[in-house]
C-alpha atoms as a PDB file:
ATOM      1  CA  MET A   1      79.000 113.188  81.191  1.00  0.00           C
ATOM      2  CA  ILE A   2      78.032 116.631  82.495  1.00  0.00           C
ATOM      3  CA  ILE A   3      75.403 116.760  85.266  1.00  0.00           C
ATOM      4  CA  ASP A   4      73.692 119.875  86.586  1.00  0.00           C
ATOM      5  CA  CYS A   5      73.212 119.237  90.309  1.00  0.00           C
ATOM      6  CA  HIS A   6      70.812 122.152  90.927  1.00  0.00           C
ATOM      7  CA  CYS A   7      67.754 122.954  88.817  1.00  0.00           C
ATOM      8  CA  HIS A   8      64.161 123.618  89.850  1.00  0.00           C
ATOM      9  CA  ALA A   9      61.034 122.235  88.192  1.00  0.00           C
ATOM     10  CA  GLY A  10      57.284 122.341  88.745  1.00  0.00           C
ATOM     11  CA  GLU A  11      54.794 124.847  90.062  1.00  0.00           C
ATOM     12  CA  GLY A  12      54.833 126.742  93.332  1.00  0.00           C
ATOM     13  CA  ASP A  13      51.805 128.339  94.933  1.00  0.00           C
ATOM     14  CA  GLY A  14      53.227 131.561  96.345  1.00  0.00           C
ATOM     15  CA  LEU A  15      52.739 133.705  93.218  1.00  0.00           C
ATOM     16  CA  THR A  16      55.098 136.432  94.478  1.00  0.00           C
ATOM     17  CA  GLY A  17      58.144 135.652  92.303  1.00  0.00           C
ATOM     18  CA  PRO A  18      59.424 133.144  89.743  1.00  0.00           C
ATOM     19  CA  TRP A  19      60.915 130.991  92.514  1.00  0.00           C
ATOM     20  CA  ASN A  20      57.480 130.220  94.043  1.00  0.00           C
ATOM     21  CA  THR A  21      55.293 130.466  90.939  1.00  0.00           C
ATOM     22  CA  ASP A  22      56.597 128.258  88.144  1.00  0.00           C
ATOM     23  CA  ALA A  23      59.821 126.573  87.027  1.00  0.00           C
ATOM     24  CA  PRO A  24      59.200 125.415  83.432  1.00  0.00           C
ATOM     25  CA  LEU A  25      61.873 123.222  81.867  1.00  0.00           C
ATOM     26  CA  GLY A  26      61.317 123.784  78.136  1.00  0.00           C
ATOM     27  CA  ALA A  27      63.870 126.534  77.465  1.00  0.00           C
ATOM     28  CA  TYR A  28      66.242 125.144  80.090  1.00  0.00           C
ATOM     29  CA  LEU A  29      66.386 121.739  78.385  1.00  0.00           C
ATOM     30  CA  ARG A  30      67.068 123.254  74.978  1.00  0.00           C
ATOM     31  CA  ARG A  31      69.880 125.364  76.412  1.00  0.00           C
ATOM     32  CA  ALA A  32      71.274 122.500  78.473  1.00  0.00           C
ATOM     33  CA  ARG A  33      71.319 120.222  75.448  1.00  0.00           C
ATOM     34  CA  ALA A  34      73.169 122.850  73.412  1.00  0.00           C
ATOM     35  CA  ALA A  35      75.720 123.243  76.232  1.00  0.00           C
ATOM     36  CA  GLY A  36      76.358 119.503  76.463  1.00  0.00           C
ATOM     37  CA  ILE A  37      74.625 118.942  79.823  1.00  0.00           C
ATOM     38  CA  ALA A  38      73.395 115.354  79.758  1.00  0.00           C
ATOM     39  CA  ARG A  39      71.517 114.960  83.055  1.00  0.00           C
ATOM     40  CA  THR A  40      69.962 117.249  85.631  1.00  0.00           C
ATOM     41  CA  ASN A  41      69.120 117.020  89.328  1.00  0.00           C
ATOM     42  CA  LEU A  42      65.687 118.565  89.927  1.00  0.00           C
ATOM     43  CA  LEU A  43      64.345 120.325  93.017  1.00  0.00           C
ATOM     44  CA  PRO A  44      60.798 121.626  93.517  1.00  0.00           C
ATOM     45  CA  ALA A  45      59.990 125.320  93.456  1.00  0.00           C
ATOM     46  CA  PHE A  46      59.045 126.966  96.763  1.00  0.00           C
ATOM     47  CA  HIS A  47      55.667 125.665  97.915  1.00  0.00           C
ATOM     48  CA  SER A  48      53.401 125.847 100.954  1.00  0.00           C
ATOM     49  CA  ASP A  49      53.202 122.014 101.041  1.00  0.00           C
ATOM     50  CA  TYR A  50      56.378 120.260  99.974  1.00  0.00           C
ATOM     51  CA  ALA A  51      54.736 116.836 100.088  1.00  0.00           C
ATOM     52  CA  VAL A  52      52.544 118.008  97.208  1.00  0.00           C
ATOM     53  CA  ALA A  53      55.492 119.602  95.399  1.00  0.00           C
ATOM     54  CA  ASN A  54      57.641 116.479  95.776  1.00  0.00           C
ATOM     55  CA  ARG A  55      54.941 114.273  94.292  1.00  0.00           C
ATOM     56  CA  ALA A  56      54.577 116.608  91.320  1.00  0.00           C
ATOM     57  CA  LEU A  57      58.354 116.545  90.871  1.00  0.00           C
ATOM     58  CA  GLY A  58      58.283 112.760  91.056  1.00  0.00           C
ATOM     59  CA  ARG A  59      55.989 112.710  88.037  1.00  0.00           C
ATOM     60  CA  ILE A  60      58.375 114.986  86.129  1.00  0.00           C
ATOM     61  CA  VAL A  61      61.341 112.769  86.996  1.00  0.00           C
ATOM     62  CA  ARG A  62      59.420 109.675  85.925  1.00  0.00           C
ATOM     63  CA  ARG A  63      58.458 111.232  82.590  1.00  0.00           C
ATOM     64  CA  GLY A  64      62.114 112.110  82.025  1.00  0.00           C
ATOM     65  CA  ARG A  65      62.957 108.396  81.634  1.00  0.00           C
ATOM     66  CA  GLY A  66      66.398 108.624  83.153  1.00  0.00           C
ATOM     67  CA  ARG A  67      67.190 112.222  82.168  1.00  0.00           C
ATOM     68  CA  PHE A  68      66.597 113.511  85.720  1.00  0.00           C
ATOM     69  CA  PHE A  69      67.550 112.902  89.311  1.00  0.00           C
ATOM     70  CA  GLY A  70      65.428 114.350  92.130  1.00  0.00           C
ATOM     71  CA  PHE A  71      65.844 115.774  95.637  1.00  0.00           C
ATOM     72  CA  ALA A  72      62.947 116.062  98.099  1.00  0.00           C
ATOM     73  CA  PHE A  73      62.258 119.569  99.429  1.00  0.00           C
ATOM     74  CA  VAL A  74      61.346 119.721 103.135  1.00  0.00           C
ATOM     75  CA  HIS A  75      60.487 122.618 105.454  1.00  0.00           C
ATOM     76  CA  ALA A  76      62.232 122.271 108.811  1.00  0.00           C
ATOM     77  CA  ALA A  77      59.373 123.944 110.712  1.00  0.00           C
ATOM     78  CA  SER A  78      56.168 123.201 108.778  1.00  0.00           C
ATOM     79  CA  ASP A  79      57.158 119.599 108.085  1.00  0.00           C
ATOM     80  CA  ALA A  80      58.406 118.850 111.592  1.00  0.00           C
ATOM     81  CA  GLY A  81      57.287 115.388 112.615  1.00  0.00           C
ATOM     82  CA  ARG A  82      56.754 114.085 109.095  1.00  0.00           C
ATOM     83  CA  VAL A  83      60.178 114.523 107.484  1.00  0.00           C
ATOM     84  CA  ASP A  84      60.946 110.797 107.676  1.00  0.00           C
ATOM     85  CA  ALA A  85      57.665 109.905 105.980  1.00  0.00           C
ATOM     86  CA  MET A  86      58.137 112.540 103.280  1.00  0.00           C
ATOM     87  CA  VAL A  87      61.686 111.458 102.508  1.00  0.00           C
ATOM     88  CA  ARG A  88      60.755 107.781 102.560  1.00  0.00           C
ATOM     89  CA  GLU A  89      57.983 108.447 100.059  1.00  0.00           C
ATOM     90  CA  ALA A  90      60.360 110.398  97.828  1.00  0.00           C
ATOM     91  CA  VAL A  91      63.160 107.820  97.958  1.00  0.00           C
ATOM     92  CA  VAL A  92      61.019 104.705  97.664  1.00  0.00           C
ATOM     93  CA  GLY A  93      58.228 106.027  95.460  1.00  0.00           C
ATOM     94  CA  PHE A  94      60.106 108.437  93.205  1.00  0.00           C
ATOM     95  CA  GLY A  95      63.729 107.284  93.384  1.00  0.00           C
ATOM     96  CA  PHE A  96      64.949 110.614  94.771  1.00  0.00           C
ATOM     97  CA  ARG A  97      68.565 110.754  95.929  1.00  0.00           C
ATOM     98  CA  GLY A  98      68.788 113.682  98.323  1.00  0.00           C
ATOM     99  CA  ILE A  99      67.085 116.354 100.432  1.00  0.00           C
ATOM    100  CA  LYS A 100      66.737 120.087  99.787  1.00  0.00           C
ATOM    101  CA  VAL A 101      66.369 122.578 102.663  1.00  0.00           C
ATOM    102  CA  HIS A 102      66.199 126.362 102.443  1.00  0.00           C
ATOM    103  CA  ARG A 103      67.066 128.807 105.214  1.00  0.00           C
ATOM    104  CA  HIS A 104      64.380 131.129 103.785  1.00  0.00           C
ATOM    105  CA  ASP A 105      61.853 128.613 105.127  1.00  0.00           C
ATOM    106  CA  ALA A 106      63.591 127.756 108.413  1.00  0.00           C
ATOM    107  CA  ARG A 107      66.958 126.664 109.749  1.00  0.00           C
ATOM    108  CA  ILE A 108      67.874 123.044 109.188  1.00  0.00           C
ATOM    109  CA  SER A 109      66.863 120.746 112.065  1.00  0.00           C
ATOM    110  CA  ARG A 110      68.205 117.651 113.752  1.00  0.00           C
ATOM    111  CA  GLU A 111      65.174 115.805 112.452  1.00  0.00           C
ATOM    112  CA  ILE A 112      66.242 116.490 108.867  1.00  0.00           C
ATOM    113  CA  CYS A 113      69.884 115.620 109.524  1.00  0.00           C
ATOM    114  CA  GLU A 114      68.946 112.353 111.214  1.00  0.00           C
ATOM    115  CA  VAL A 115      66.694 111.353 108.334  1.00  0.00           C
ATOM    116  CA  ALA A 116      69.490 112.160 105.895  1.00  0.00           C
ATOM    117  CA  ARG A 117      71.802 109.987 107.981  1.00  0.00           C
ATOM    118  CA  ARG A 118      69.330 107.126 108.027  1.00  0.00           C
ATOM    119  CA  TYR A 119      68.893 107.029 104.259  1.00  0.00           C
ATOM    120  CA  ARG A 120      72.471 108.129 103.553  1.00  0.00           C
ATOM    121  CA  LEU A 121      71.272 111.081 101.521  1.00  0.00           C
ATOM    122  CA  PRO A 122      73.145 114.297 100.770  1.00  0.00           C
ATOM    123  CA  VAL A 123      71.465 117.511 101.913  1.00  0.00           C
ATOM    124  CA  LEU A 124      71.501 120.559  99.662  1.00  0.00           C
ATOM    125  CA  TYR A 125      71.104 123.317 102.232  1.00  0.00           C
ATOM    126  CA  ASP A 126      70.752 126.894 101.016  1.00  0.00           C
ATOM    127  CA  VAL A 127      72.052 128.825 104.009  1.00  0.00           C
ATOM    128  CA  VAL A 128      71.296 132.297 102.560  1.00  0.00           C
ATOM    129  CA  GLY A 129      74.682 133.596 103.733  1.00  0.00           C
ATOM    130  CA  GLU A 130      74.443 132.133 107.252  1.00  0.00           C
ATOM    131  CA  ILE A 131      77.831 130.398 107.302  1.00  0.00           C
ATOM    132  CA  ALA A 132      78.846 130.141 110.981  1.00  0.00           C
ATOM    133  CA  PRO A 133      76.377 127.366 112.012  1.00  0.00           C
ATOM    134  CA  LEU A 134      77.860 125.085 109.345  1.00  0.00           C
ATOM    135  CA  GLU A 135      80.769 124.476 111.725  1.00  0.00           C
ATOM    136  CA  LEU A 136      78.368 122.922 114.231  1.00  0.00           C
ATOM    137  CA  ILE A 137      76.289 121.072 111.644  1.00  0.00           C
ATOM    138  CA  ALA A 138      79.290 119.534 109.863  1.00  0.00           C
ATOM    139  CA  GLN A 139      80.785 118.341 113.157  1.00  0.00           C
ATOM    140  CA  ALA A 140      77.506 117.011 114.593  1.00  0.00           C
ATOM    141  CA  TYR A 141      76.715 114.995 111.447  1.00  0.00           C
ATOM    142  CA  ARG A 142      80.068 113.943 110.061  1.00  0.00           C
ATOM    143  CA  ASP A 143      78.488 111.055 108.131  1.00  0.00           C
ATOM    144  CA  VAL A 144      76.080 113.341 106.225  1.00  0.00           C
ATOM    145  CA  ALA A 145      77.151 115.251 103.119  1.00  0.00           C
ATOM    146  CA  PHE A 146      76.004 118.882 103.036  1.00  0.00           C
ATOM    147  CA  ILE A 147      76.045 120.703  99.696  1.00  0.00           C
ATOM    148  CA  ILE A 148      75.912 124.481 100.114  1.00  0.00           C
ATOM    149  CA  PRO A 149      74.573 126.071  96.912  1.00  0.00           C
ATOM    150  CA  HIS A 150      75.838 129.340  95.422  1.00  0.00           C
ATOM    151  CA  LEU A 151      79.063 128.982  97.448  1.00  0.00           C
ATOM    152  CA  GLY A 152      76.960 130.189 100.370  1.00  0.00           C
ATOM    153  CA  SER A 153      75.037 133.142  98.927  1.00  0.00           C
ATOM    154  CA  PHE A 154      72.902 133.690  95.841  1.00  0.00           C
ATOM    155  CA  ALA A 155      72.658 137.365  96.807  1.00  0.00           C
ATOM    156  CA  ASP A 156      76.282 138.006  95.807  1.00  0.00           C
ATOM    157  CA  ASP A 157      77.321 138.356  99.440  1.00  0.00           C
ATOM    158  CA  TRP A 158      81.047 138.014  98.854  1.00  0.00           C
ATOM    159  CA  ARG A 159      81.745 138.022 102.591  1.00  0.00           C
ATOM    160  CA  ALA A 160      79.617 134.905 103.083  1.00  0.00           C
ATOM    161  CA  GLN A 161      81.133 133.199 100.046  1.00  0.00           C
ATOM    162  CA  GLN A 162      84.639 134.016 101.232  1.00  0.00           C
ATOM    163  CA  ALA A 163      83.772 132.765 104.720  1.00  0.00           C
ATOM    164  CA  LEU A 164      82.515 129.434 103.364  1.00  0.00           C
ATOM    165  CA  ILE A 165      85.827 128.515 101.733  1.00  0.00           C
ATOM    166  CA  ASP A 166      87.617 127.868 105.029  1.00  0.00           C
ATOM    167  CA  PRO A 167      85.092 125.347 106.466  1.00  0.00           C
ATOM    168  CA  LEU A 168      84.715 123.893 102.976  1.00  0.00           C
ATOM    169  CA  ALA A 169      88.437 123.103 103.010  1.00  0.00           C
ATOM    170  CA  ARG A 170      88.467 121.786 106.591  1.00  0.00           C
ATOM    171  CA  HIS A 171      85.333 119.633 106.820  1.00  0.00           C
ATOM    172  CA  PRO A 172      85.322 116.526 104.602  1.00  0.00           C
ATOM    173  CA  ASN A 173      81.500 116.393 104.544  1.00  0.00           C
ATOM    174  CA  LEU A 174      80.970 119.983 103.367  1.00  0.00           C
ATOM    175  CA  PHE A 175      80.610 120.640  99.641  1.00  0.00           C
ATOM    176  CA  ALA A 176      79.455 123.623  97.593  1.00  0.00           C
ATOM    177  CA  ASP A 177      77.760 124.105  94.272  1.00  0.00           C
ATOM    178  CA  THR A 178      78.716 126.769  91.765  1.00  0.00           C
ATOM    179  CA  SER A 179      75.292 128.032  90.722  1.00  0.00           C
ATOM    180  CA  GLY A 180      74.827 131.791  90.553  1.00  0.00           C
ATOM    181  CA  VAL A 181      78.322 132.690  91.782  1.00  0.00           C
ATOM    182  CA  ARG A 182      79.140 135.990  90.115  1.00  0.00           C
ATOM    183  CA  ARG A 183      82.579 136.739  91.550  1.00  0.00           C
ATOM    184  CA  PHE A 184      84.681 134.341  89.505  1.00  0.00           C
ATOM    185  CA  ASP A 185      87.828 134.659  91.603  1.00  0.00           C
ATOM    186  CA  LEU A 186      85.980 133.173  94.565  1.00  0.00           C
ATOM    187  CA  LEU A 187      85.471 129.999  92.529  1.00  0.00           C
ATOM    188  CA  VAL A 188      89.183 130.053  91.703  1.00  0.00           C
ATOM    189  CA  GLU A 189      90.027 130.361  95.398  1.00  0.00           C
ATOM    190  CA  ALA A 190      87.587 127.597  96.373  1.00  0.00           C
ATOM    191  CA  VAL A 191      89.251 125.226  93.906  1.00  0.00           C
ATOM    192  CA  ARG A 192      92.721 126.225  95.108  1.00  0.00           C
ATOM    193  CA  ARG A 193      92.032 125.920  98.833  1.00  0.00           C
ATOM    194  CA  ALA A 194      89.306 123.273  99.133  1.00  0.00           C
ATOM    195  CA  GLY A 195      90.064 121.308  95.956  1.00  0.00           C
ATOM    196  CA  PRO A 196      87.988 120.350  92.910  1.00  0.00           C
ATOM    197  CA  HIS A 197      86.598 117.338  94.794  1.00  0.00           C
ATOM    198  CA  LYS A 198      84.587 119.755  96.988  1.00  0.00           C
ATOM    199  CA  LEU A 199      82.701 121.620  94.209  1.00  0.00           C
ATOM    200  CA  LEU A 200      79.642 120.539  92.224  1.00  0.00           C
ATOM    201  CA  PHE A 201      78.503 122.189  89.016  1.00  0.00           C
ATOM    202  CA  GLY A 202      74.984 123.636  89.313  1.00  0.00           C
ATOM    203  CA  THR A 203      72.947 126.205  87.415  1.00  0.00           C
ATOM    204  CA  ASP A 204      69.926 127.166  89.554  1.00  0.00           C
ATOM    205  CA  GLY A 205      67.923 126.646  86.389  1.00  0.00           C
ATOM    206  CA  PRO A 206      65.566 127.161  84.819  1.00  0.00           C
ATOM    207  CA  TRP A 207      65.993 130.836  85.736  1.00  0.00           C
ATOM    208  CA  LEU A 208      69.745 131.012  85.057  1.00  0.00           C
ATOM    209  CA  HIS A 209      71.158 129.991  81.680  1.00  0.00           C
ATOM    210  CA  PRO A 210      72.874 126.579  81.975  1.00  0.00           C
ATOM    211  CA  GLY A 211      75.361 127.406  79.220  1.00  0.00           C
ATOM    212  CA  VAL A 212      76.486 130.553  81.021  1.00  0.00           C
ATOM    213  CA  GLU A 213      76.891 128.694  84.311  1.00  0.00           C
ATOM    214  CA  LEU A 214      78.875 125.911  82.632  1.00  0.00           C
ATOM    215  CA  ALA A 215      81.135 128.465  80.921  1.00  0.00           C
ATOM    216  CA  LYS A 216      82.359 129.537  84.364  1.00  0.00           C
ATOM    217  CA  ILE A 217      83.530 125.997  85.087  1.00  0.00           C
ATOM    218  CA  GLN A 218      85.196 125.756  81.698  1.00  0.00           C
ATOM    219  CA  ALA A 219      86.955 129.050  82.371  1.00  0.00           C
ATOM    220  CA  LEU A 220      88.582 127.599  85.498  1.00  0.00           C
ATOM    221  CA  GLY A 221      90.982 125.713  83.231  1.00  0.00           C
ATOM    222  CA  LEU A 222      90.788 122.499  85.248  1.00  0.00           C
ATOM    223  CA  ALA A 223      92.638 119.342  84.305  1.00  0.00           C
ATOM    224  CA  PRO A 224      90.329 116.853  82.522  1.00  0.00           C
ATOM    225  CA  ASP A 225      89.913 114.617  85.582  1.00  0.00           C
ATOM    226  CA  ASP A 226      89.148 117.599  87.820  1.00  0.00           C
ATOM    227  CA  PHE A 227      86.671 118.990  85.287  1.00  0.00           C
ATOM    228  CA  ALA A 228      84.947 115.589  85.299  1.00  0.00           C
ATOM    229  CA  ARG A 229      84.773 115.651  89.108  1.00  0.00           C
ATOM    230  CA  VAL A 230      83.180 119.098  89.283  1.00  0.00           C
ATOM    231  CA  THR A 231      80.748 118.544  86.396  1.00  0.00           C
ATOM    232  CA  GLY A 232      79.342 115.213  87.512  1.00  0.00           C
ATOM    233  CA  GLY A 233      81.705 112.909  89.339  1.00  0.00           C
ATOM    234  CA  ASN A 234      81.384 114.550  92.752  1.00  0.00           C
ATOM    235  CA  PHE A 235      77.592 114.554  92.535  1.00  0.00           C
ATOM    236  CA  LEU A 236      77.495 110.875  91.584  1.00  0.00           C
ATOM    237  CA  ARG A 237      79.762 109.974  94.495  1.00  0.00           C
ATOM    238  CA  LEU A 238      77.457 111.679  96.967  1.00  0.00           C
ATOM    239  CA  ILE A 239      74.222 110.171  95.711  1.00  0.00           C
ATOM    240  CA  ARG A 240      75.638 106.651  95.372  1.00  0.00           C
ATOM    241  CA  ARG A 241      75.513 106.391  99.182  1.00  0.00           C
ATOM    242  CA  ALA A 242      71.716 106.647  99.167  1.00  0.00           C
ATOM    243  CA  SER A 243      70.298 103.543 100.814  1.00  0.00           C
ATOM    244  CA  ILE A 244      67.104 102.730  98.931  1.00  0.00           C
ATOM    245  CA  ALA A 245      67.197  99.258 100.445  1.00  0.00           C
ATOM    246  CA  SER A 246      67.090 100.827 103.917  1.00  0.00           C
ATOM    247  CA  ALA A 247      64.080 102.931 102.985  1.00  0.00           C
ATOM    248  CA  SER A 248      62.145  99.949 101.675  1.00  0.00           C
ATOM    249  CA  ALA A 249      63.173  97.444 104.324  1.00  0.00           C
ATOM    250  CA  ASP A 250      59.695  97.390 105.823  1.00  0.00           C
ATOM    251  CA  GLY A 251      58.129  96.376 102.508  1.00  0.00           C
ATOM    252  CA  ALA A 252      56.853  99.855 101.667  1.00  0.00           C
ATOM    253  CA  ALA A 253      58.510 100.030  98.263  1.00  0.00           C
ATOM    254  CA  ALA A 254      55.278  99.459  96.363  1.00  0.00           C
ATOM    255  CA  LYS A 255      53.168 101.885  98.349  1.00  0.00           C
ATOM    256  CA  ALA A 256      53.709 105.498  99.365  1.00  0.00           C
ATOM    257  CA  PRO A 257      53.516 105.934 103.156  1.00  0.00           C
ATOM    258  CA  ASN A 258      51.090 108.091 105.048  1.00  0.00           C
ATOM    259  CA  LEU A 259      52.438 111.413 106.269  1.00  0.00           C
ATOM    260  CA  PRO A 260      51.931 111.623 110.048  1.00  0.00           C
ATOM    261  CA  ASN A 261      51.220 114.811 111.969  1.00  0.00           C
ATOM    262  CA  ARG A 262      53.104 113.603 114.999  1.00  0.00           C
ATOM    263  CA  ARG A 263      56.866 113.532 115.395  1.00  0.00           C
ATOM    264  CA  PRO A 264      58.373 110.053 114.958  1.00  0.00           C
ATOM    265  CA  ALA A 265      61.236 108.792 117.082  1.00  0.00           C
ATOM    266  CA  PRO A 266      64.553 109.886 115.572  1.00  0.00           C
ATOM    267  CA  PRO A 267      66.305 107.072 113.690  1.00  0.00           C
ATOM    268  CA  PRO A 268      69.533 105.790 115.208  1.00  0.00           C
ATOM    269  CA  GLY A 269      72.834 106.821 113.672  1.00  0.00           C
ATOM    270  CA  ARG A 270      75.421 104.427 112.304  1.00  0.00           C
ATOM    271  CA  PRO A 271      78.717 104.977 114.094  1.00  0.00           C
ATOM    272  CA  THR A 272      81.875 104.510 112.058  1.00  0.00           C
ATOM    273  CA  ALA A 273      85.000 102.737 113.218  1.00  0.00           C
ATOM    274  CA  ALA A 274      87.114 104.654 115.688  1.00  0.00           C
ATOM    275  CA  GLY A 275      89.198 107.233 113.911  1.00  0.00           C
ATOM    276  CA  ALA A 276      87.707 106.437 110.509  1.00  0.00           C
ATOM    277  CA  ASP A 277      86.577 109.278 108.307  1.00  0.00           C
ATOM    278  CA  PRO A 278      83.985 107.999 105.810  1.00  0.00           C
ATOM    279  CA  TRP A 279      84.573 111.000 103.540  1.00  0.00           C
ATOM    280  CA  LEU A 280      88.315 110.758 103.010  1.00  0.00           C
ATOM    281  CA  THR A 281      88.178 107.989 100.421  1.00  0.00           C
ATOM    282  CA  LEU A 282      84.999 109.396  98.929  1.00  0.00           C
ATOM    283  CA  SER A 283      86.496 112.854  98.537  1.00  0.00           C
ATOM    284  CA  SER A 284      89.984 112.028  97.327  1.00  0.00           C
ATOM    285  CA  GLU A 285      89.372 109.153  94.932  1.00  0.00           C
ATOM    286  CA  ALA A 286      89.997 110.167  91.336  1.00  0.00           C
ATOM    287  CA  ILE A 287      87.192 109.942  88.850  1.00  0.00           C
ATOM    288  CA  GLY A 288      87.417 110.417  85.116  1.00  0.00           C
ATOM    289  CA  PRO A 289      84.730 110.600  82.416  1.00  0.00           C
ATOM    290  CA  ALA A 290      84.610 106.810  82.000  1.00  0.00           C
ATOM    291  CA  ALA A 291      84.139 106.253  85.732  1.00  0.00           C
ATOM    292  CA  ALA A 292      81.401 108.865  85.894  1.00  0.00           C
ATOM    293  CA  GLU A 293      79.577 107.124  83.056  1.00  0.00           C
ATOM    294  CA  THR A 294      79.750 103.793  84.879  1.00  0.00           C
ATOM    295  CA  GLU A 295      78.352 105.203  88.111  1.00  0.00           C
ATOM    296  CA  LEU A 296      75.125 106.294  86.471  1.00  0.00           C
ATOM    297  CA  SER A 297      73.835 102.796  87.099  1.00  0.00           C
ATOM    298  CA  CYS A 298      73.970 103.292  90.859  1.00  0.00           C
END
């Protein structure tokens, strides 16, 4: 089963470009169906209030009746103090399985990383070519998975994409998606050095053609098991850690929480056993098409 881990949906309110105006799914879904893409992870378009955008995306995910996953978009600066409430609402109310952060808005914050740790959610962080801080982030939050879209740069900054491959290979909790990468040999090098278990197929739809993006993965000539990892298995492994039970432990599952204006106390982390790396088994375990199909129930 092929899963697109990176597609936008819904309206933005910036009206300065497609990315903050509208992300309609009609043409994307027709093209994805023709390409054999079975499920899609949706992210909101840029918006001045991501709580509003996340709720609108939640309605789209619900109408999809199992066709879609969802990630909650948060703004590290504008949403400071209410990230926990926003993510809780998205996880409990809409069934979202991750967090989206964009460097264009603001640099990722400890508040966001701690919330991701609490709910065991992956973070799709568009770093806009800013690679160096990932060393600090990956080490400070070893139990959080960070997915870096576009191999580090949608702007075809080959230096940034090249620079990402080394930390991608060294840090077990760093992953990258393939959306919008134009220099094909960089994908080849990422597979060779970091391994197919560190890449996730994404399209950055609906603005990029999903069939074209998938053709790049097909052109890598991966073994069947590795192709299954990149085109769905790796994504499923990251989202299966999401702790919906943790989010609803206070009985809030039936009701969306209020979004406070004040900063809540940071949630405590969950230390792992001494010397244990929670990503080694997750990253190295083989997954084939049958296993990926089974994990859709998680």
